[in-house]
Amino acid sequence: MILYPSGFIGQDYANCISDFTSGDTEEHYLAALKTQPADWYYANKKITYQYNENGHRCTSIKDLNFDNYILFAGCSHTEGVGLELETSYPYLVSQALGCDYYNLAISASGIDTLEYNIVHWFLQFKKKPKYVFVQWPDHSRFISLYPGYKNILPNGSWCTSTDEKKFFVAGESTGFFNGRKFISTNLIKNIIDVPLITVNLSCMALYDNFSLSWKGIDFARDLGHYGIKSHKVLVDKLLQHL
């Protein structure tokens, strides 16, 4: 991840088009081909990842219809990792509502990145979205920035060093992660004065008691993220909620 001149945090491959991305690599794909049936949907299906000037998988801000748009934020599930863009829930919801959308979601990101990008959006642009959809990430994720480095590193439960493991254990036992989650969620709710719809993955600890629960029923190309059917189920749930 990187902090761009625009002030937004995004993936570190702005203005790039690729067949693969972090979390959905060519290596994983080739390995999956050996284990999946011959009629696997992704066996001969090409997926294109196109990122704008801020490293976000959506239209450029300069091309966004600010008079008719909705805003999304989250982690890789909302970025649509492993999926064609047209089968991801942000795209489908925007189509159903007949409006543009901007997607702030970043793979492997946590509540700190999500909070920063949302607050920055509302401070930078006067024209507000009709709705804001937030998919809460794993609460133990955080960003690291080391002296002398430009890129921001995503950190989380995948870390393996002894010090990192101790930090995660201490963070849970002292209530650090829950405390940060409480502060961030309340800040977002107070900043956003348009309808806010939040989503919580059913496999993760709750952020609040008002989020819609999202349970995966199939997998994307990487065999780790939620698949096409799961996204369609969430779309139906979001539209019914609205």
C-alpha atoms as a PDB file:
ATOM      1  CA  MET A   1       0.000   0.000   0.000  1.00  0.00           C
ATOM      2  CA  ILE A   2       1.032   3.605  -0.470  1.00  0.00           C
ATOM      3  CA  LEU A   3      -0.129   7.094   0.490  1.00  0.00           C
ATOM      4  CA  TYR A   4      -0.753   8.942  -2.771  1.00  0.00           C
ATOM      5  CA  PRO A   5      -0.440  12.718  -3.387  1.00  0.00           C
ATOM      6  CA  SER A   6      -4.256  12.854  -3.402  1.00  0.00           C
ATOM      7  CA  GLY A   7      -4.118  11.907   0.272  1.00  0.00           C
ATOM      8  CA  PHE A   8      -5.696   8.468  -0.165  1.00  0.00           C
ATOM      9  CA  ILE A   9      -4.139   5.143   0.765  1.00  0.00           C
ATOM     10  CA  GLY A  10      -4.301   2.594  -2.046  1.00  0.00           C
ATOM     11  CA  GLN A  11      -2.570  -0.370  -3.602  1.00  0.00           C
ATOM     12  CA  ASP A  12       0.959   0.393  -4.761  1.00  0.00           C
ATOM     13  CA  TYR A  13       0.206  -0.264  -8.432  1.00  0.00           C
ATOM     14  CA  ALA A  14      -1.738   2.776  -9.553  1.00  0.00           C
ATOM     15  CA  ASN A  15      -2.917   3.067 -13.167  1.00  0.00           C
ATOM     16  CA  CYS A  16      -2.122  -0.616 -13.699  1.00  0.00           C
ATOM     17  CA  ILE A  17      -3.992  -3.399 -15.486  1.00  0.00           C
ATOM     18  CA  SER A  18      -3.140  -6.988 -14.599  1.00  0.00           C
ATOM     19  CA  ASP A  19      -4.504 -10.530 -14.828  1.00  0.00           C
ATOM     20  CA  PHE A  20      -3.510 -11.194 -11.212  1.00  0.00           C
ATOM     21  CA  THR A  21      -3.111  -9.289  -7.962  1.00  0.00           C
ATOM     22  CA  SER A  22      -2.059  -9.835  -4.352  1.00  0.00           C
ATOM     23  CA  GLY A  23      -4.234 -12.555  -2.863  1.00  0.00           C
ATOM     24  CA  ASP A  24      -5.015 -13.905  -6.328  1.00  0.00           C
ATOM     25  CA  THR A  25      -1.636 -14.680  -7.820  1.00  0.00           C
ATOM     26  CA  GLU A  26      -0.759 -16.660 -10.918  1.00  0.00           C
ATOM     27  CA  GLU A  27       1.034 -19.166  -8.702  1.00  0.00           C
ATOM     28  CA  HIS A  28      -2.163 -19.827  -6.718  1.00  0.00           C
ATOM     29  CA  TYR A  29      -4.152 -20.087  -9.936  1.00  0.00           C
ATOM     30  CA  LEU A  30      -1.855 -22.664 -11.517  1.00  0.00           C
ATOM     31  CA  ALA A  31      -1.925 -24.696  -8.317  1.00  0.00           C
ATOM     32  CA  ALA A  32      -5.732 -24.543  -8.217  1.00  0.00           C
ATOM     33  CA  LEU A  33      -5.978 -25.824 -11.799  1.00  0.00           C
ATOM     34  CA  LYS A  34      -4.442 -29.088 -10.610  1.00  0.00           C
ATOM     35  CA  THR A  35      -7.072 -29.628  -7.904  1.00  0.00           C
ATOM     36  CA  GLN A  36     -10.280 -28.328  -9.481  1.00  0.00           C
ATOM     37  CA  PRO A  37     -12.571 -30.268 -11.864  1.00  0.00           C
ATOM     38  CA  ALA A  38     -12.242 -29.827 -15.633  1.00  0.00           C
ATOM     39  CA  ASP A  39     -15.422 -27.735 -15.786  1.00  0.00           C
ATOM     40  CA  TRP A  40     -14.234 -25.311 -13.100  1.00  0.00           C
ATOM     41  CA  TYR A  41     -15.663 -21.882 -13.899  1.00  0.00           C
ATOM     42  CA  TYR A  42     -12.252 -20.210 -13.753  1.00  0.00           C
ATOM     43  CA  ALA A  43     -10.399 -22.839 -15.788  1.00  0.00           C
ATOM     44  CA  ASN A  44     -10.510 -20.634 -18.885  1.00  0.00           C
ATOM     45  CA  LYS A  45     -11.936 -17.429 -17.410  1.00  0.00           C
ATOM     46  CA  LYS A  46      -9.796 -14.314 -17.550  1.00  0.00           C
ATOM     47  CA  ILE A  47     -10.005 -11.801 -14.717  1.00  0.00           C
ATOM     48  CA  THR A  48      -8.767  -8.257 -15.215  1.00  0.00           C
ATOM     49  CA  TYR A  49      -7.677  -6.065 -12.318  1.00  0.00           C
ATOM     50  CA  GLN A  50      -7.644  -2.402 -13.272  1.00  0.00           C
ATOM     51  CA  TYR A  51      -6.582   0.148 -10.673  1.00  0.00           C
ATOM     52  CA  ASN A  52      -7.019   3.910 -10.911  1.00  0.00           C
ATOM     53  CA  GLU A  53      -4.656   6.729  -9.998  1.00  0.00           C
ATOM     54  CA  ASN A  54      -5.145   6.038  -6.272  1.00  0.00           C
ATOM     55  CA  GLY A  55      -4.599   2.292  -6.466  1.00  0.00           C
ATOM     56  CA  HIS A  56      -8.332   1.582  -6.141  1.00  0.00           C
ATOM     57  CA  ARG A  57     -10.212  -0.942  -8.257  1.00  0.00           C
ATOM     58  CA  CYS A  58     -12.846   1.391  -9.687  1.00  0.00           C
ATOM     59  CA  THR A  59     -13.311   4.426 -11.890  1.00  0.00           C
ATOM     60  CA  SER A  60     -11.067   7.450 -11.619  1.00  0.00           C
ATOM     61  CA  ILE A  61     -12.265  10.134  -9.228  1.00  0.00           C
ATOM     62  CA  LYS A  62     -12.256  12.657 -12.082  1.00  0.00           C
ATOM     63  CA  ASP A  63     -14.741  10.480 -13.969  1.00  0.00           C
ATOM     64  CA  LEU A  64     -17.068   9.895 -11.018  1.00  0.00           C
ATOM     65  CA  ASN A  65     -20.578  11.352 -11.242  1.00  0.00           C
ATOM     66  CA  PHE A  66     -20.624  13.245  -7.947  1.00  0.00           C
ATOM     67  CA  ASP A  67     -24.314  14.049  -8.422  1.00  0.00           C
ATOM     68  CA  ASN A  68     -25.261  10.367  -8.321  1.00  0.00           C
ATOM     69  CA  TYR A  69     -22.878   7.986  -6.573  1.00  0.00           C
ATOM     70  CA  ILE A  70     -22.414   5.606  -3.644  1.00  0.00           C
ATOM     71  CA  LEU A  71     -19.255   4.812  -1.674  1.00  0.00           C
ATOM     72  CA  PHE A  72     -17.769   1.472  -0.601  1.00  0.00           C
ATOM     73  CA  ALA A  73     -14.990   0.624   1.849  1.00  0.00           C
ATOM     74  CA  GLY A  74     -13.608  -2.645   3.145  1.00  0.00           C
ATOM     75  CA  CYS A  75     -10.838  -5.151   2.549  1.00  0.00           C
ATOM     76  CA  SER A  76     -10.198  -7.696  -0.227  1.00  0.00           C
ATOM     77  CA  HIS A  77     -13.779  -9.013  -0.156  1.00  0.00           C
ATOM     78  CA  THR A  78     -15.045  -5.577  -1.195  1.00  0.00           C
ATOM     79  CA  GLU A  79     -12.173  -4.990  -3.600  1.00  0.00           C
ATOM     80  CA  GLY A  80     -13.399  -8.164  -5.278  1.00  0.00           C
ATOM     81  CA  VAL A  81     -10.209 -10.215  -5.160  1.00  0.00           C
ATOM     82  CA  GLY A  82     -10.589 -13.411  -7.201  1.00  0.00           C
ATOM     83  CA  LEU A  83     -13.629 -12.097  -9.070  1.00  0.00           C
ATOM     84  CA  GLU A  84     -14.429 -10.377 -12.317  1.00  0.00           C
ATOM     85  CA  LEU A  85     -15.337  -6.804 -11.475  1.00  0.00           C
ATOM     86  CA  GLU A  86     -18.840  -7.277 -12.890  1.00  0.00           C
ATOM     87  CA  THR A  87     -19.595 -10.061 -10.390  1.00  0.00           C
ATOM     88  CA  SER A  88     -18.453  -8.157  -7.278  1.00  0.00           C
ATOM     89  CA  TYR A  89     -21.107  -6.790  -4.940  1.00  0.00           C
ATOM     90  CA  PRO A  90     -20.103  -3.080  -5.203  1.00  0.00           C
ATOM     91  CA  TYR A  91     -20.529  -3.201  -8.979  1.00  0.00           C
ATOM     92  CA  LEU A  92     -23.840  -5.087  -8.774  1.00  0.00           C
ATOM     93  CA  VAL A  93     -25.312  -2.829  -6.092  1.00  0.00           C
ATOM     94  CA  SER A  94     -24.429   0.296  -8.065  1.00  0.00           C
ATOM     95  CA  GLN A  95     -26.015  -1.188 -11.174  1.00  0.00           C
ATOM     96  CA  ALA A  96     -29.192  -2.062  -9.284  1.00  0.00           C
ATOM     97  CA  LEU A  97     -29.417   1.457  -7.826  1.00  0.00           C
ATOM     98  CA  GLY A  98     -28.619   3.113 -11.159  1.00  0.00           C
ATOM     99  CA  CYS A  99     -25.678   5.173  -9.959  1.00  0.00           C
ATOM    100  CA  ASP A 100     -21.901   5.490 -10.064  1.00  0.00           C
ATOM    101  CA  TYR A 101     -19.731   4.141  -7.276  1.00  0.00           C
ATOM    102  CA  TYR A 102     -16.284   4.575  -5.828  1.00  0.00           C
ATOM    103  CA  ASN A 103     -14.532   1.704  -4.068  1.00  0.00           C
ATOM    104  CA  LEU A 104     -12.004   2.580  -1.334  1.00  0.00           C
ATOM    105  CA  ALA A 105     -11.477  -1.092  -0.407  1.00  0.00           C
ATOM    106  CA  ILE A 106      -7.906  -2.377  -0.184  1.00  0.00           C
ATOM    107  CA  SER A 107      -6.822  -5.985   0.121  1.00  0.00           C
ATOM    108  CA  ALA A 108      -5.279  -6.974   3.493  1.00  0.00           C
ATOM    109  CA  SER A 109      -6.189  -3.616   5.033  1.00  0.00           C
ATOM    110  CA  GLY A 110      -7.632  -3.019   8.496  1.00  0.00           C
ATOM    111  CA  ILE A 111      -9.831  -0.585  10.368  1.00  0.00           C
ATOM    112  CA  ASP A 112      -7.110   2.090  10.456  1.00  0.00           C
ATOM    113  CA  THR A 113      -6.861   2.284   6.660  1.00  0.00           C
ATOM    114  CA  LEU A 114     -10.626   2.104   6.244  1.00  0.00           C
ATOM    115  CA  GLU A 115     -11.180   4.891   8.777  1.00  0.00           C
ATOM    116  CA  TYR A 116      -8.498   7.097   7.239  1.00  0.00           C
ATOM    117  CA  ASN A 117      -9.792   6.821   3.651  1.00  0.00           C
ATOM    118  CA  ILE A 118     -13.434   7.393   4.599  1.00  0.00           C
ATOM    119  CA  VAL A 119     -12.708  10.422   6.772  1.00  0.00           C
ATOM    120  CA  HIS A 120     -10.408  11.832   4.094  1.00  0.00           C
ATOM    121  CA  TRP A 121     -13.148  11.371   1.476  1.00  0.00           C
ATOM    122  CA  PHE A 122     -15.718  13.310   3.496  1.00  0.00           C
ATOM    123  CA  LEU A 123     -13.220  16.067   4.252  1.00  0.00           C
ATOM    124  CA  GLN A 124     -12.096  16.405   0.644  1.00  0.00           C
ATOM    125  CA  PHE A 125     -15.391  16.283  -1.284  1.00  0.00           C
ATOM    126  CA  LYS A 126     -18.418  18.462  -0.591  1.00  0.00           C
ATOM    127  CA  LYS A 127     -20.808  16.358  -2.653  1.00  0.00           C
ATOM    128  CA  LYS A 128     -21.681  13.369  -0.514  1.00  0.00           C
ATOM    129  CA  PRO A 129     -22.639   9.868  -1.625  1.00  0.00           C
ATOM    130  CA  LYS A 130     -26.228   8.649  -1.402  1.00  0.00           C
ATOM    131  CA  TYR A 131     -25.105   5.704   0.721  1.00  0.00           C
ATOM    132  CA  VAL A 132     -21.890   4.448   2.300  1.00  0.00           C
ATOM    133  CA  PHE A 133     -21.357   0.681   2.455  1.00  0.00           C
ATOM    134  CA  VAL A 134     -18.687  -0.535   4.875  1.00  0.00           C
ATOM    135  CA  GLN A 135     -17.490  -4.129   5.123  1.00  0.00           C
ATOM    136  CA  TRP A 136     -15.587  -4.433   8.393  1.00  0.00           C
ATOM    137  CA  PRO A 137     -12.160  -6.116   8.096  1.00  0.00           C
ATOM    138  CA  ASP A 138     -10.383  -8.369  10.571  1.00  0.00           C
ATOM    139  CA  HIS A 139      -9.973  -6.117  13.607  1.00  0.00           C
ATOM    140  CA  SER A 140      -6.406  -7.290  14.310  1.00  0.00           C
ATOM    141  CA  ARG A 141      -5.019  -5.871  11.050  1.00  0.00           C
ATOM    142  CA  PHE A 142      -2.983  -2.691  11.016  1.00  0.00           C
ATOM    143  CA  ILE A 143      -0.553  -0.751   8.828  1.00  0.00           C
ATOM    144  CA  SER A 144       3.175  -0.390   9.475  1.00  0.00           C
ATOM    145  CA  LEU A 145       5.483   2.288   8.139  1.00  0.00           C
ATOM    146  CA  TYR A 146       9.194   1.863   8.682  1.00  0.00           C
ATOM    147  CA  PRO A 147      11.663   4.793   8.588  1.00  0.00           C
ATOM    148  CA  GLY A 148      13.135   5.304   5.131  1.00  0.00           C
ATOM    149  CA  TYR A 149      10.433   3.329   3.318  1.00  0.00           C
ATOM    150  CA  LYS A 150       7.758   4.812   1.056  1.00  0.00           C
ATOM    151  CA  ASN A 151       5.344   1.904   1.049  1.00  0.00           C
ATOM    152  CA  ILE A 152       2.921   1.155   3.866  1.00  0.00           C
ATOM    153  CA  LEU A 153       2.977  -2.493   4.874  1.00  0.00           C
ATOM    154  CA  PRO A 154      -0.230  -4.335   5.792  1.00  0.00           C
ATOM    155  CA  ASN A 155       0.127  -6.450   8.918  1.00  0.00           C
ATOM    156  CA  GLY A 156      -2.175  -9.025  10.427  1.00  0.00           C
ATOM    157  CA  SER A 157      -2.564 -12.526  11.769  1.00  0.00           C
ATOM    158  CA  TRP A 158      -0.446 -13.892   8.905  1.00  0.00           C
ATOM    159  CA  CYS A 159       2.694 -12.424  10.525  1.00  0.00           C
ATOM    160  CA  THR A 160       5.081 -15.065  11.839  1.00  0.00           C
ATOM    161  CA  SER A 161       7.783 -13.406  13.955  1.00  0.00           C
ATOM    162  CA  THR A 162       7.815 -13.997  17.709  1.00  0.00           C
ATOM    163  CA  ASP A 163       7.435 -10.292  18.498  1.00  0.00           C
ATOM    164  CA  GLU A 164       4.466  -9.974  16.173  1.00  0.00           C
ATOM    165  CA  LYS A 165       2.765 -12.995  17.711  1.00  0.00           C
ATOM    166  CA  LYS A 166       3.292 -11.555  21.194  1.00  0.00           C
ATOM    167  CA  PHE A 167       1.774  -8.277  20.010  1.00  0.00           C
ATOM    168  CA  PHE A 168      -1.369  -9.997  18.743  1.00  0.00           C
ATOM    169  CA  VAL A 169      -1.827 -11.942  21.964  1.00  0.00           C
ATOM    170  CA  ALA A 170      -1.291  -8.810  24.063  1.00  0.00           C
ATOM    171  CA  GLY A 171      -3.560  -6.782  21.785  1.00  0.00           C
ATOM    172  CA  GLU A 172      -6.429  -9.159  22.375  1.00  0.00           C
ATOM    173  CA  SER A 173      -5.842  -9.731  26.100  1.00  0.00           C
ATOM    174  CA  THR A 174      -5.511  -6.012  26.910  1.00  0.00           C
ATOM    175  CA  GLY A 175      -8.494  -4.987  24.815  1.00  0.00           C
ATOM    176  CA  PHE A 176      -6.334  -2.876  22.487  1.00  0.00           C
ATOM    177  CA  PHE A 177      -7.926  -4.177  19.287  1.00  0.00           C
ATOM    178  CA  ASN A 178     -11.454  -3.898  20.656  1.00  0.00           C
ATOM    179  CA  GLY A 179     -10.741  -0.405  21.964  1.00  0.00           C
ATOM    180  CA  ARG A 180      -9.465   0.800  18.613  1.00  0.00           C
ATOM    181  CA  LYS A 181     -12.414  -0.850  16.892  1.00  0.00           C
ATOM    182  CA  PHE A 182     -14.857   0.911  19.221  1.00  0.00           C
ATOM    183  CA  ILE A 183     -13.273   4.332  18.643  1.00  0.00           C
ATOM    184  CA  SER A 184     -12.997   3.916  14.858  1.00  0.00           C
ATOM    185  CA  THR A 185     -16.534   2.658  14.308  1.00  0.00           C
ATOM    186  CA  ASN A 186     -18.004   5.487  16.364  1.00  0.00           C
ATOM    187  CA  LEU A 187     -15.902   8.076  14.554  1.00  0.00           C
ATOM    188  CA  ILE A 188     -17.077   6.767  11.178  1.00  0.00           C
ATOM    189  CA  LYS A 189     -20.712   6.785  12.271  1.00  0.00           C
ATOM    190  CA  ASN A 190     -20.393  10.365  13.519  1.00  0.00           C
ATOM    191  CA  ILE A 191     -18.527  11.630  10.451  1.00  0.00           C
ATOM    192  CA  ILE A 192     -20.897  10.090   7.914  1.00  0.00           C
ATOM    193  CA  ASP A 193     -24.183  11.996   7.835  1.00  0.00           C
ATOM    194  CA  VAL A 194     -25.646   9.927   4.997  1.00  0.00           C
ATOM    195  CA  PRO A 195     -27.175   6.443   5.310  1.00  0.00           C
ATOM    196  CA  LEU A 196     -24.483   3.999   6.465  1.00  0.00           C
ATOM    197  CA  ILE A 197     -24.864   0.274   5.794  1.00  0.00           C
ATOM    198  CA  THR A 198     -22.310  -2.010   7.425  1.00  0.00           C
ATOM    199  CA  VAL A 199     -21.446  -5.632   6.704  1.00  0.00           C
ATOM    200  CA  ASN A 200     -19.719  -8.115   8.998  1.00  0.00           C
ATOM    201  CA  LEU A 201     -18.287 -11.410   7.751  1.00  0.00           C
ATOM    202  CA  SER A 202     -19.958 -14.166   9.756  1.00  0.00           C
ATOM    203  CA  CYS A 203     -16.556 -15.747  10.480  1.00  0.00           C
ATOM    204  CA  MET A 204     -15.179 -12.602  12.151  1.00  0.00           C
ATOM    205  CA  ALA A 205     -15.733 -10.928  15.513  1.00  0.00           C
ATOM    206  CA  LEU A 206     -18.642  -8.488  15.492  1.00  0.00           C
ATOM    207  CA  TYR A 207     -18.025  -4.772  15.132  1.00  0.00           C
ATOM    208  CA  ASP A 208     -21.562  -3.842  16.178  1.00  0.00           C
ATOM    209  CA  ASN A 209     -25.024  -5.359  16.514  1.00  0.00           C
ATOM    210  CA  PHE A 210     -26.416  -3.556  13.490  1.00  0.00           C
ATOM    211  CA  SER A 211     -24.225  -4.930  10.708  1.00  0.00           C
ATOM    212  CA  LEU A 212     -25.623  -7.297   8.108  1.00  0.00           C
ATOM    213  CA  SER A 213     -24.032 -10.727   8.394  1.00  0.00           C
ATOM    214  CA  TRP A 214     -22.300 -12.075   5.303  1.00  0.00           C
ATOM    215  CA  LYS A 215     -21.652 -15.810   5.067  1.00  0.00           C
ATOM    216  CA  GLY A 216     -19.689 -17.320   2.191  1.00  0.00           C
ATOM    217  CA  ILE A 217     -21.311 -20.142   0.213  1.00  0.00           C
ATOM    218  CA  ASP A 218     -18.757 -20.447  -2.597  1.00  0.00           C
ATOM    219  CA  PHE A 219     -15.240 -19.333  -3.469  1.00  0.00           C
ATOM    220  CA  ALA A 220     -13.595 -17.007  -5.955  1.00  0.00           C
ATOM    221  CA  ARG A 221     -10.740 -17.982  -8.272  1.00  0.00           C
ATOM    222  CA  ASP A 222      -8.156 -17.886  -5.480  1.00  0.00           C
ATOM    223  CA  LEU A 223     -10.254 -20.411  -3.484  1.00  0.00           C
ATOM    224  CA  GLY A 224     -10.033 -18.177  -0.415  1.00  0.00           C
ATOM    225  CA  HIS A 225     -12.313 -15.195  -0.968  1.00  0.00           C
ATOM    226  CA  TYR A 226     -16.080 -15.339  -1.321  1.00  0.00           C
ATOM    227  CA  GLY A 227     -17.315 -16.248  -4.790  1.00  0.00           C
ATOM    228  CA  ILE A 228     -19.953 -15.114  -7.272  1.00  0.00           C
ATOM    229  CA  LYS A 229     -22.909 -16.723  -5.479  1.00  0.00           C
ATOM    230  CA  SER A 230     -21.830 -15.256  -2.142  1.00  0.00           C
ATOM    231  CA  HIS A 231     -21.643 -11.768  -3.630  1.00  0.00           C
ATOM    232  CA  LYS A 232     -25.066 -12.169  -5.228  1.00  0.00           C
ATOM    233  CA  VAL A 233     -26.547 -13.202  -1.870  1.00  0.00           C
ATOM    234  CA  LEU A 234     -25.066 -10.084  -0.240  1.00  0.00           C
ATOM    235  CA  VAL A 235     -26.417  -7.877  -3.049  1.00  0.00           C
ATOM    236  CA  ASP A 236     -29.936  -9.230  -2.476  1.00  0.00           C
ATOM    237  CA  LYS A 237     -29.569  -8.700   1.276  1.00  0.00           C
ATOM    238  CA  LEU A 238     -28.312  -5.111   0.857  1.00  0.00           C
ATOM    239  CA  LEU A 239     -31.068  -4.186  -1.594  1.00  0.00           C
ATOM    240  CA  GLN A 240     -33.718  -5.706   0.667  1.00  0.00           C
ATOM    241  CA  HIS A 241     -32.275  -3.747   3.594  1.00  0.00           C
ATOM    242  CA  LEU A 242     -32.434  -0.493   1.628  1.00  0.00           C
END
